PDB file of N, CA and C in Angstrom:
ATOM      1  N   UNK A   1    -129.522 -36.549-127.335  1.00  0.00           N
ATOM      2  CA  UNK A   1    -130.570 -35.078-126.464  1.00  0.00           C
ATOM      3  C   UNK A   1    -130.223 -36.362-125.144  1.00  0.00           C
ATOM      4  N   UNK A   2    -130.318 -37.413-125.032  1.00  0.00           N
ATOM      5  CA  UNK A   2    -130.338 -37.992-123.460  1.00  0.00           C
ATOM      6  C   UNK A   2    -129.011 -37.396-123.303  1.00  0.00           C
ATOM      7  N   UNK A   3    -128.119 -37.415-123.734  1.00  0.00           N
ATOM      8  CA  UNK A   3    -126.364 -37.192-124.030  1.00  0.00           C
ATOM      9  C   UNK A   3    -126.350 -36.021-122.755  1.00  0.00           C
ATOM     10  N   UNK A   4    -126.731 -34.747-123.596  1.00  0.00           N
ATOM     11  CA  UNK A   4    -126.771 -34.073-123.120  1.00  0.00           C
ATOM     12  C   UNK A   4    -127.814 -33.174-121.748  1.00  0.00           C
ATOM     13  N   UNK A   5    -128.044 -33.972-122.335  1.00  0.00           N
ATOM     14  CA  UNK A   5    -129.030 -34.005-120.424  1.00  0.00           C
ATOM     15  C   UNK A   5    -127.753 -34.083-118.890  1.00  0.00           C
ATOM     16  N   UNK A   6    -127.168 -36.218-119.924  1.00  0.00           N
ATOM     17  CA  UNK A   6    -126.122 -36.343-118.736  1.00  0.00           C
ATOM     18  C   UNK A   6    -125.211 -35.608-118.468  1.00  0.00           C
ATOM     19  N   UNK A   7    -125.056 -34.661-119.824  1.00  0.00           N
ATOM     20  CA  UNK A   7    -123.596 -33.953-119.372  1.00  0.00           C
ATOM     21  C   UNK A   7    -124.064 -33.233-118.692  1.00  0.00           C
ATOM     22  N   UNK A   8    -125.769 -32.426-118.796  1.00  0.00           N
ATOM     23  CA  UNK A   8    -125.129 -30.918-118.237  1.00  0.00           C
ATOM     24  C   UNK A   8    -125.556 -31.374-117.357  1.00  0.00           C
ATOM     25  N   UNK A   9    -126.604 -31.709-116.937  1.00  0.00           N
ATOM     26  CA  UNK A   9    -126.835 -32.713-115.714  1.00  0.00           C
ATOM     27  C   UNK A   9    -124.995 -32.991-114.837  1.00  0.00           C
ATOM     28  N   UNK A  10    -124.244 -33.347-115.440  1.00  0.00           N
ATOM     29  CA  UNK A  10    -123.424 -34.130-114.342  1.00  0.00           C
ATOM     30  C   UNK A  10    -122.306 -32.626-114.250  1.00  0.00           C
ATOM     31  N   UNK A  11    -122.665 -31.517-115.068  1.00  0.00           N
ATOM     32  CA  UNK A  11    -121.418 -29.962-114.617  1.00  0.00           C
ATOM     33  C   UNK A  11    -122.533 -29.386-113.381  1.00  0.00           C
ATOM     34  N   UNK A  12    -123.849 -29.747-113.920  1.00  0.00           N
ATOM     35  CA  UNK A  12    -124.324 -28.647-112.860  1.00  0.00           C
ATOM     36  C   UNK A  12    -124.263 -29.697-111.880  1.00  0.00           C
ATOM     37  N   UNK A  13    -123.831 -30.759-111.303  1.00  0.00           N
ATOM     38  CA  UNK A  13    -123.878 -31.420-109.890  1.00  0.00           C
ATOM     39  C   UNK A  13    -122.549 -31.435-109.579  1.00  0.00           C
ATOM     40  N   UNK A  14    -121.679 -31.156-110.215  1.00  0.00           N
ATOM     41  CA  UNK A  14    -120.103 -31.078-110.750  1.00  0.00           C
ATOM     42  C   UNK A  14    -119.772 -29.851-110.283  1.00  0.00           C
ATOM     43  N   UNK A  15    -119.791 -28.913-110.631  1.00  0.00           N
ATOM     44  CA  UNK A  15    -119.141 -27.667-110.969  1.00  0.00           C
ATOM     45  C   UNK A  15    -118.874 -26.759-109.791  1.00  0.00           C
ATOM     46  N   UNK A  16    -118.176 -25.943-109.760  1.00  0.00           N
ATOM     47  CA  UNK A  16    -118.421 -25.165-108.241  1.00  0.00           C
ATOM     48  C   UNK A  16    -120.069 -24.485-108.050  1.00  0.00           C
ATOM     49  N   UNK A  17    -120.493 -24.211-106.687  1.00  0.00           N
ATOM     50  CA  UNK A  17    -121.193 -23.745-106.705  1.00  0.00           C
ATOM     51  C   UNK A  17    -121.556 -22.252-106.467  1.00  0.00           C
ATOM     52  N   UNK A  18    -120.823 -21.831-106.410  1.00  0.00           N
ATOM     53  CA  UNK A  18    -120.718 -20.284-106.670  1.00  0.00           C
ATOM     54  C   UNK A  18    -121.340 -19.650-107.781  1.00  0.00           C
ATOM     55  N   UNK A  19    -122.012 -18.172-107.885  1.00  0.00           N
ATOM     56  CA  UNK A  19    -122.653 -18.127-108.508  1.00  0.00           C
ATOM     57  C   UNK A  19    -121.386 -17.005-110.028  1.00  0.00           C
ATOM     58  N   UNK A  20    -121.649 -17.958-111.147  1.00  0.00           N
ATOM     59  CA  UNK A  20    -120.934 -18.209-111.740  1.00  0.00           C
ATOM     60  C   UNK A  20    -121.922 -18.114-113.324  1.00  0.00           C
ATOM     61  N   UNK A  21    -121.119 -17.361-115.056  1.00  0.00           N
ATOM     62  CA  UNK A  21    -121.237 -17.024-115.908  1.00  0.00           C
ATOM     63  C   UNK A  21    -121.836 -18.559-116.213  1.00  0.00           C
ATOM     64  N   UNK A  22    -121.217 -19.403-116.161  1.00  0.00           N
ATOM     65  CA  UNK A  22    -120.648 -20.995-116.769  1.00  0.00           C
ATOM     66  C   UNK A  22    -122.191 -21.673-115.604  1.00  0.00           C
ATOM     67  N   UNK A  23    -122.000 -21.628-114.552  1.00  0.00           N
ATOM     68  CA  UNK A  23    -122.331 -22.059-113.254  1.00  0.00           C
ATOM     69  C   UNK A  23    -124.033 -21.836-114.464  1.00  0.00           C
ATOM     70  N   UNK A  24    -124.296 -20.610-113.836  1.00  0.00           N
ATOM     71  CA  UNK A  24    -126.059 -20.160-114.342  1.00  0.00           C
ATOM     72  C   UNK A  24    -126.384 -20.676-115.818  1.00  0.00           C
ATOM     73  N   UNK A  25    -125.314 -20.594-116.625  1.00  0.00           N
ATOM     74  CA  UNK A  25    -125.809 -20.879-118.256  1.00  0.00           C
ATOM     75  C   UNK A  25    -125.973 -22.682-118.156  1.00  0.00           C
ATOM     76  N   UNK A  26    -125.070 -23.519-117.899  1.00  0.00           N
ATOM     77  CA  UNK A  26    -125.356 -24.750-117.848  1.00  0.00           C
ATOM     78  C   UNK A  26    -127.174 -24.643-117.215  1.00  0.00           C
ATOM     79  N   UNK A  27    -127.227 -25.123-116.189  1.00  0.00           N
ATOM     80  CA  UNK A  27    -128.051 -24.770-115.140  1.00  0.00           C
ATOM     81  C   UNK A  27    -129.661 -24.322-116.861  1.00  0.00           C
ATOM     82  N   UNK A  28    -129.547 -23.643-117.618  1.00  0.00           N
ATOM     83  CA  UNK A  28    -130.586 -22.677-118.046  1.00  0.00           C
ATOM     84  C   UNK A  28    -130.206 -23.917-119.466  1.00  0.00           C
ATOM     85  N   UNK A  29    -129.255 -24.265-119.817  1.00  0.00           N
ATOM     86  CA  UNK A  29    -129.092 -25.386-121.235  1.00  0.00           C
ATOM     87  C   UNK A  29    -129.571 -26.748-120.462  1.00  0.00           C
ATOM     88  N   UNK A  30    -129.365 -27.207-119.143  1.00  0.00           N
ATOM     89  CA  UNK A  30    -130.602 -28.390-118.931  1.00  0.00           C
ATOM     90  C   UNK A  30    -132.085 -28.368-118.967  1.00  0.00           C
ATOM     91  N   UNK A  31    -132.283 -26.868-118.302  1.00  0.00           N
ATOM     92  CA  UNK A  31    -134.127 -27.391-118.904  1.00  0.00           C
ATOM     93  C   UNK A  31    -134.430 -26.578-120.500  1.00  0.00           C
ATOM     94  N   UNK A  32    -133.543 -26.177-121.073  1.00  0.00           N
ATOM     95  CA  UNK A  32    -133.705 -26.637-122.210  1.00  0.00           C
ATOM     96  C   UNK A  32    -133.836 -27.475-123.719  1.00  0.00           C
ATOM     97  N   UNK A  33    -132.301 -28.534-122.698  1.00  0.00           N
ATOM     98  CA  UNK A  33    -132.647 -29.303-122.711  1.00  0.00           C
ATOM     99  C   UNK A  33    -133.475 -30.622-122.642  1.00  0.00           C
ATOM    100  N   UNK A  34    -134.039 -30.219-121.249  1.00  0.00           N
ATOM    101  CA  UNK A  34    -134.625 -31.262-120.224  1.00  0.00           C
ATOM    102  C   UNK A  34    -136.292 -30.870-121.817  1.00  0.00           C
ATOM    103  N   UNK A  35    -136.877 -29.530-122.442  1.00  0.00           N
ATOM    104  CA  UNK A  35    -137.755 -28.598-122.361  1.00  0.00           C
ATOM    105  C   UNK A  35    -137.578 -29.644-123.667  1.00  0.00           C
ATOM    106  N   UNK A  36    -136.837 -29.500-124.444  1.00  0.00           N
ATOM    107  CA  UNK A  36    -136.359 -30.474-125.892  1.00  0.00           C
ATOM    108  C   UNK A  36    -136.958 -32.360-125.626  1.00  0.00           C
ATOM    109  N   UNK A  37    -136.739 -32.837-125.452  1.00  0.00           N
ATOM    110  CA  UNK A  37    -136.543 -33.846-124.877  1.00  0.00           C
ATOM    111  C   UNK A  37    -138.184 -34.312-124.726  1.00  0.00           C
ATOM    112  N   UNK A  38    -139.132 -33.544-124.210  1.00  0.00           N
ATOM    113  CA  UNK A  38    -140.595 -33.131-123.486  1.00  0.00           C
ATOM    114  C   UNK A  38    -140.577 -34.193-122.148  1.00  0.00           C
ATOM    115  N   UNK A  39    -139.255 -33.919-121.425  1.00  0.00           N
ATOM    116  CA  UNK A  39    -139.392 -33.476-120.131  1.00  0.00           C
ATOM    117  C   UNK A  39    -139.624 -32.474-119.105  1.00  0.00           C
ATOM    118  N   UNK A  40    -140.724 -32.500-119.456  1.00  0.00           N
ATOM    119  CA  UNK A  40    -141.850 -30.487-119.025  1.00  0.00           C
ATOM    120  C   UNK A  40    -141.944 -30.489-117.739  1.00  0.00           C
ATOM    121  N   UNK A  41    -142.622 -31.196-116.754  1.00  0.00           N
ATOM    122  CA  UNK A  41    -142.010 -30.846-115.227  1.00  0.00           C
ATOM    123  C   UNK A  41    -140.457 -30.769-115.001  1.00  0.00           C
ATOM    124  N   UNK A  42    -139.916 -31.604-115.260  1.00  0.00           N
ATOM    125  CA  UNK A  42    -138.580 -31.794-115.269  1.00  0.00           C
ATOM    126  C   UNK A  42    -137.694 -31.072-115.802  1.00  0.00           C
ATOM    127  N   UNK A  43    -138.237 -30.407-116.582  1.00  0.00           N
ATOM    128  CA  UNK A  43    -138.138 -28.362-117.005  1.00  0.00           C
ATOM    129  C   UNK A  43    -138.579 -27.430-116.367  1.00  0.00           C
ATOM    130  N   UNK A  44    -139.508 -27.259-115.928  1.00  0.00           N
ATOM    131  CA  UNK A  44    -139.713 -27.020-115.085  1.00  0.00           C
ATOM    132  C   UNK A  44    -138.932 -26.850-114.032  1.00  0.00           C
ATOM    133  N   UNK A  45    -138.968 -27.590-113.053  1.00  0.00           N
ATOM    134  CA  UNK A  45    -138.135 -27.785-112.414  1.00  0.00           C
ATOM    135  C   UNK A  45    -136.578 -26.878-112.513  1.00  0.00           C
ATOM    136  N   UNK A  46    -135.986 -27.072-112.882  1.00  0.00           N
ATOM    137  CA  UNK A  46    -135.059 -26.536-114.255  1.00  0.00           C
ATOM    138  C   UNK A  46    -135.013 -25.360-114.536  1.00  0.00           C
ATOM    139  N   UNK A  47    -136.135 -24.347-114.831  1.00  0.00           N
ATOM    140  CA  UNK A  47    -135.692 -23.737-114.435  1.00  0.00           C
ATOM    141  C   UNK A  47    -135.953 -22.951-113.727  1.00  0.00           C
ATOM    142  N   UNK A  48    -136.651 -23.102-113.001  1.00  0.00           N
ATOM    143  CA  UNK A  48    -136.796 -23.068-111.449  1.00  0.00           C
ATOM    144  C   UNK A  48    -135.547 -22.906-110.548  1.00  0.00           C
ATOM    145  N   UNK A  49    -135.315 -23.112-110.859  1.00  0.00           N
ATOM    146  CA  UNK A  49    -133.472 -24.020-110.163  1.00  0.00           C
ATOM    147  C   UNK A  49    -133.149 -22.440-110.852  1.00  0.00           C
ATOM    148  N   UNK A  50    -132.898 -22.759-111.827  1.00  0.00           N
ATOM    149  CA  UNK A  50    -132.247 -21.211-112.510  1.00  0.00           C
ATOM    150  C   UNK A  50    -132.436 -19.843-112.253  1.00  0.00           C
ATOM    151  N   UNK A  51    -133.493 -19.592-112.280  1.00  0.00           N
ATOM    152  CA  UNK A  51    -134.533 -19.037-111.287  1.00  0.00           C
ATOM    153  C   UNK A  51    -133.815 -18.501-110.387  1.00  0.00           C
ATOM    154  N   UNK A  52    -134.067 -19.082-109.421  1.00  0.00           N
ATOM    155  CA  UNK A  52    -133.477 -19.614-108.386  1.00  0.00           C
ATOM    156  C   UNK A  52    -132.642 -19.206-108.119  1.00  0.00           C
ATOM    157  N   UNK A  53    -131.655 -19.704-108.661  1.00  0.00           N
ATOM    158  CA  UNK A  53    -129.954 -19.726-108.930  1.00  0.00           C
ATOM    159  C   UNK A  53    -129.190 -18.383-108.529  1.00  0.00           C
ATOM    160  N   UNK A  54    -130.014 -17.342-110.375  1.00  0.00           N
ATOM    161  CA  UNK A  54    -129.912 -16.594-110.607  1.00  0.00           C
ATOM    162  C   UNK A  54    -130.688 -15.593-110.168  1.00  0.00           C
ATOM    163  N   UNK A  55    -131.477 -15.647-108.468  1.00  0.00           N
ATOM    164  CA  UNK A  55    -132.575 -14.707-108.423  1.00  0.00           C
ATOM    165  C   UNK A  55    -131.940 -12.720-107.898  1.00  0.00           C
ATOM    166  N   UNK A  56    -130.666 -13.152-108.132  1.00  0.00           N
ATOM    167  CA  UNK A  56    -130.299 -11.526-108.111  1.00  0.00           C
ATOM    168  C   UNK A  56    -129.827 -10.750-108.996  1.00  0.00           C
ATOM    169  N   UNK A  57    -129.380 -11.647-110.309  1.00  0.00           N
ATOM    170  CA  UNK A  57    -129.269 -10.889-111.532  1.00  0.00           C
ATOM    171  C   UNK A  57    -130.499  -9.613-111.904  1.00  0.00           C
ATOM    172  N   UNK A  58    -129.697  -9.144-112.866  1.00  0.00           N
ATOM    173  CA  UNK A  58    -130.286  -8.349-113.523  1.00  0.00           C
ATOM    174  C   UNK A  58    -131.422  -8.913-114.302  1.00  0.00           C
ATOM    175  N   UNK A  59    -132.378  -8.594-113.808  1.00  0.00           N
ATOM    176  CA  UNK A  59    -134.062  -9.723-114.605  1.00  0.00           C
ATOM    177  C   UNK A  59    -134.473  -9.296-116.008  1.00  0.00           C
ATOM    178  N   UNK A  60    -133.436  -8.549-116.477  1.00  0.00           N
ATOM    179  CA  UNK A  60    -134.026  -7.509-117.361  1.00  0.00           C
ATOM    180  C   UNK A  60    -132.198  -8.400-118.800  1.00  0.00           C
ATOM    181  N   UNK A  61    -132.521  -9.166-118.117  1.00  0.00           N
ATOM    182  CA  UNK A  61    -130.667 -10.014-118.752  1.00  0.00           C
ATOM    183  C   UNK A  61    -131.615 -10.907-120.033  1.00  0.00           C
ATOM    184  N   UNK A  62    -131.434 -11.346-121.459  1.00  0.00           N
ATOM    185  CA  UNK A  62    -131.963 -11.922-121.880  1.00  0.00           C
ATOM    186  C   UNK A  62    -132.586 -13.745-121.820  1.00  0.00           C
ATOM    187  N   UNK A  63    -131.406 -13.977-121.047  1.00  0.00           N
ATOM    188  CA  UNK A  63    -131.194 -15.208-120.709  1.00  0.00           C
ATOM    189  C   UNK A  63    -132.494 -15.214-119.542  1.00  0.00           C
ATOM    190  N   UNK A  64    -132.510 -14.652-118.089  1.00  0.00           N
ATOM    191  CA  UNK A  64    -133.206 -14.989-117.404  1.00  0.00           C
ATOM    192  C   UNK A  64    -135.236 -14.645-118.099  1.00  0.00           C
ATOM    193  N   UNK A  65    -135.145 -13.000-118.995  1.00  0.00           N
ATOM    194  CA  UNK A  65    -136.315 -13.161-119.353  1.00  0.00           C
ATOM    195  C   UNK A  65    -137.254 -14.099-120.255  1.00  0.00           C
ATOM    196  N   UNK A  66    -135.925 -14.887-121.154  1.00  0.00           N
ATOM    197  CA  UNK A  66    -136.430 -16.296-121.698  1.00  0.00           C
ATOM    198  C   UNK A  66    -136.579 -17.079-120.994  1.00  0.00           C
ATOM    199  N   UNK A  67    -135.961 -17.688-119.370  1.00  0.00           N
ATOM    200  CA  UNK A  67    -136.026 -18.277-118.657  1.00  0.00           C
ATOM    201  C   UNK A  67    -137.545 -18.280-117.846  1.00  0.00           C
ATOM    202  N   UNK A  68    -137.658 -17.118-117.585  1.00  0.00           N
ATOM    203  CA  UNK A  68    -139.144 -17.250-117.035  1.00  0.00           C
ATOM    204  C   UNK A  68    -140.224 -17.124-117.999  1.00  0.00           C
ATOM    205  N   UNK A  69    -140.123 -16.376-119.455  1.00  0.00           N
ATOM    206  CA  UNK A  69    -141.554 -16.685-120.521  1.00  0.00           C
ATOM    207  C   UNK A  69    -141.201 -18.149-120.712  1.00  0.00           C
ATOM    208  N   UNK A  70    -140.421 -19.632-120.722  1.00  0.00           N
ATOM    209  CA  UNK A  70    -140.598 -20.879-121.136  1.00  0.00           C
ATOM    210  C   UNK A  70    -141.191 -21.326-119.757  1.00  0.00           C
ATOM    211  N   UNK A  71    -140.699 -20.933-118.141  1.00  0.00           N
ATOM    212  CA  UNK A  71    -141.544 -21.170-117.366  1.00  0.00           C
ATOM    213  C   UNK A  71    -142.277 -21.023-117.673  1.00  0.00           C
ATOM    214  N   UNK A  72    -143.437 -20.261-117.558  1.00  0.00           N
ATOM    215  CA  UNK A  72    -144.881 -19.802-117.862  1.00  0.00           C
ATOM    216  C   UNK A  72    -145.060 -20.527-118.843  1.00  0.00           C
ATOM    217  N   UNK A  73    -144.451 -20.950-119.904  1.00  0.00           N
ATOM    218  CA  UNK A  73    -145.010 -21.707-121.630  1.00  0.00           C
ATOM    219  C   UNK A  73    -145.753 -22.900-120.671  1.00  0.00           C
ATOM    220  N   UNK A  74    -144.352 -23.556-120.122  1.00  0.00           N
ATOM    221  CA  UNK A  74    -144.464 -24.828-119.327  1.00  0.00           C
ATOM    222  C   UNK A  74    -145.475 -24.896-118.076  1.00  0.00           C
ATOM    223  N   UNK A  75    -146.076 -23.671-117.834  1.00  0.00           N
ATOM    224  CA  UNK A  75    -146.922 -23.690-116.466  1.00  0.00           C
ATOM    225  C   UNK A  75    -146.610 -23.596-115.135  1.00  0.00           C
ATOM    226  N   UNK A  76    -146.428 -22.932-114.183  1.00  0.00           N
ATOM    227  CA  UNK A  76    -146.425 -23.234-112.756  1.00  0.00           C
ATOM    228  C   UNK A  76    -146.323 -24.228-112.097  1.00  0.00           C
TER     229      UNK A  76
END
């Protein structure tokens, strides 16, 4: 899990910064990995960053709904 977190962090930090499905998905995968690793504060921050990054997205997209639910579950 630590390797996945490191790789996803690298992808997030080194990928193109524009809004693309891959750049957004990398952010949500990082949040999920952090949550699974028990790094709650980091996971909350990653979910919030994902939602901020994709703030113009359709709010009914399943990945957006799931991220909001995860953020609420982790406490904001």
